[in-house]
């Protein structure tokens, strides 16, 4: 049993929880025009930390598993097979882009001058990152070659 994959699969729930929490908190704050509080900062920080850990586990899986070897040996075959392409290229690339958006967004929030700017930047950057994450998770309802169980034990 690959314990790294199990932890990676379970940690997605923490990423999603903190991501949804951060985005909805920012949306509510933009609508109500409330001040940026330390709890807003902490939720963003927890979202970023959970994404960092998830990325680390994902990179371990990518480089110690079969995906990197397949990309190195025959990129043409990987690109022709939709399931292999999803895990070897699409999932990895989009999740790295989402991770970058979370980090850039957090930096942009820190640089913002007003509370309204902080909430709007949180909403934009974290919202786009969360959308990418949701789109690239191998949900069970995706095509059978890509779909994975909700809880891998």
Protein backbone atom coordinates (compact mmCIF):
# COMPACT_ATOMS: atom_id res chain seq x y z
CA UNK A 1 0.00 0.00 0.00
CA UNK A 2 1.32 3.43 -0.95
CA UNK A 3 0.87 5.50 2.23
CA UNK A 4 1.96 8.69 0.52
CA UNK A 5 -0.94 8.32 -1.92
CA UNK A 6 -3.37 7.66 0.94
CA UNK A 7 -2.22 10.77 2.81
CA UNK A 8 -2.31 12.80 -0.42
CA UNK A 9 -5.86 11.62 -1.05
CA UNK A 10 -7.03 12.41 2.48
CA UNK A 11 -5.31 15.79 2.68
CA UNK A 12 -7.36 17.04 -0.25
CA UNK A 13 -10.23 17.45 2.18
CA UNK A 14 -8.19 19.87 4.31
CA UNK A 15 -7.20 21.82 1.20
CA UNK A 16 -10.82 22.00 0.09
CA UNK A 17 -12.09 22.90 3.55
CA UNK A 18 -9.64 25.78 4.01
CA UNK A 19 -10.04 26.90 0.39
CA UNK A 20 -13.83 27.03 0.55
CA UNK A 21 -13.66 28.69 3.95
CA UNK A 22 -11.25 31.39 2.70
CA UNK A 23 -13.22 32.09 -0.47
CA UNK A 24 -16.62 32.27 1.25
CA UNK A 25 -15.21 34.39 4.08
CA UNK A 26 -13.76 36.80 1.51
CA UNK A 27 -17.02 36.84 -0.44
CA UNK A 28 -18.99 37.63 2.70
CA UNK A 29 -16.49 40.33 3.66
CA UNK A 30 -16.65 41.94 0.21
CA UNK A 31 -20.45 42.00 0.36
CA UNK A 32 -20.65 43.27 3.95
CA UNK A 33 -17.59 45.55 3.60
CA UNK A 34 -16.14 44.42 6.90
CA UNK A 35 -12.59 44.92 8.03
CA UNK A 36 -9.82 42.42 7.38
CA UNK A 37 -9.29 40.55 10.64
CA UNK A 38 -6.60 38.23 11.93
CA UNK A 39 -8.91 35.25 11.39
CA UNK A 40 -9.06 36.09 7.67
CA UNK A 41 -5.28 36.04 7.62
CA UNK A 42 -5.18 32.72 9.49
CA UNK A 43 -7.64 31.01 7.15
CA UNK A 44 -5.54 32.11 4.17
CA UNK A 45 -2.42 30.89 5.93
CA UNK A 46 -4.00 27.49 6.67
CA UNK A 47 -5.11 27.21 3.03
CA UNK A 48 -1.58 27.98 1.89
CA UNK A 49 0.04 25.53 4.34
CA UNK A 50 -2.33 22.71 3.37
CA UNK A 51 -1.56 23.40 -0.31
CA UNK A 52 2.18 23.34 0.46
CA UNK A 53 1.97 19.97 2.17
CA UNK A 54 -0.26 18.63 -0.61
CA UNK A 55 2.21 19.81 -3.25
CA UNK A 56 5.12 18.21 -1.41
CA UNK A 57 3.28 14.87 -1.24
CA UNK A 58 2.25 15.20 -4.88
CA UNK A 59 5.83 15.82 -5.99
CA UNK A 60 7.01 12.82 -3.99
CA UNK A 61 4.35 10.70 -5.69
CA UNK A 62 5.19 12.10 -9.12
CA UNK A 63 8.93 11.60 -8.99
CA UNK A 64 8.98 8.28 -7.12
CA UNK A 65 6.04 6.75 -8.97
CA UNK A 66 5.45 5.68 -12.50
CA UNK A 67 4.33 9.03 -13.98
CA UNK A 68 7.74 10.64 -14.26
CA UNK A 69 9.23 7.45 -15.73
CA UNK A 70 6.49 7.29 -18.36
CA UNK A 71 6.97 10.93 -19.31
CA UNK A 72 10.73 10.40 -19.62
CA UNK A 73 10.46 7.19 -21.63
CA UNK A 74 7.63 7.92 -24.10
CA UNK A 75 5.94 11.31 -23.98
CA UNK A 76 4.01 10.55 -27.18
CA UNK A 77 2.28 7.54 -25.61
CA UNK A 78 1.46 9.56 -22.50
CA UNK A 79 -0.15 12.32 -24.56
CA UNK A 80 -2.25 9.82 -26.57
CA UNK A 81 -3.73 8.13 -23.48
CA UNK A 82 -6.21 10.43 -21.71
CA UNK A 83 -5.78 8.82 -18.27
CA UNK A 84 -2.00 8.89 -18.41
CA UNK A 85 -2.06 12.46 -19.74
CA UNK A 86 -4.39 13.54 -16.93
CA UNK A 87 -2.15 12.29 -14.11
CA UNK A 88 1.26 12.83 -15.72
CA UNK A 89 0.62 16.29 -17.17
CA UNK A 90 -2.76 17.95 -16.58
CA UNK A 91 -3.29 17.19 -12.88
CA UNK A 92 0.30 18.00 -11.95
CA UNK A 93 0.54 21.20 -14.00
CA UNK A 94 -2.81 22.65 -12.95
CA UNK A 95 -2.22 21.89 -9.28
CA UNK A 96 1.16 23.65 -9.44
CA UNK A 97 -0.54 26.65 -11.07
CA UNK A 98 -3.18 26.63 -8.30
CA UNK A 99 -0.40 26.45 -5.69
CA UNK A 100 1.29 29.45 -7.33
CA UNK A 101 -1.98 31.39 -7.31
CA UNK A 102 -2.39 30.74 -3.59
CA UNK A 103 1.12 32.01 -2.87
CA UNK A 104 0.86 35.03 -5.18
CA UNK A 105 -2.58 35.81 -3.76
CA UNK A 106 -1.32 35.67 -0.20
CA UNK A 107 1.53 38.00 -1.10
CA UNK A 108 -0.86 40.39 -2.88
CA UNK A 109 -3.16 40.41 0.15
CA UNK A 110 -0.26 41.39 2.39
CA UNK A 111 0.63 44.27 0.05
CA UNK A 112 -2.91 45.61 -0.19
CA UNK A 113 -3.51 48.99 1.43
CA UNK A 114 -7.16 48.71 2.38
CA UNK A 115 -9.32 46.00 3.90
CA UNK A 116 -11.54 45.99 0.80
CA UNK A 117 -8.52 45.34 -1.41
CA UNK A 118 -7.38 42.51 0.84
CA UNK A 119 -10.75 40.78 0.67
CA UNK A 120 -11.06 41.28 -3.09
CA UNK A 121 -7.59 39.90 -3.75
CA UNK A 122 -8.29 36.93 -1.50
CA UNK A 123 -11.50 36.28 -3.37
CA UNK A 124 -9.89 36.54 -6.80
CA UNK A 125 -6.66 34.60 -6.27
CA UNK A 126 -7.96 31.96 -3.88
CA UNK A 127 -11.19 31.64 -5.88
CA UNK A 128 -9.34 30.88 -9.12
CA UNK A 129 -6.98 28.50 -7.29
CA UNK A 130 -9.91 26.70 -5.67
CA UNK A 131 -11.64 26.40 -9.04
CA UNK A 132 -8.53 24.81 -10.57
CA UNK A 133 -8.17 22.45 -7.62
CA UNK A 134 -11.80 21.35 -7.86
CA UNK A 135 -11.49 20.85 -11.62
CA UNK A 136 -8.33 18.74 -11.38
CA UNK A 137 -9.22 16.41 -8.51
CA UNK A 138 -9.84 12.90 -9.88
CA UNK A 139 -13.42 12.73 -8.57
CA UNK A 140 -15.24 9.35 -8.70
CA UNK A 141 -17.78 10.70 -11.21
CA UNK A 142 -15.10 11.40 -13.83
CA UNK A 143 -14.44 8.88 -16.58
CA UNK A 144 -13.52 5.49 -15.07
CA UNK A 145 -9.84 5.69 -16.06
CA UNK A 146 -9.41 8.96 -14.14
CA UNK A 147 -11.94 8.73 -11.30
CA UNK A 148 -10.71 7.72 -7.86
CA UNK A 149 -12.63 6.93 -4.65
CA UNK A 150 -13.49 9.79 -2.31
CA UNK A 151 -11.63 8.12 0.54
CA UNK A 152 -8.63 5.93 -0.19
CA UNK A 153 -7.70 3.63 2.67
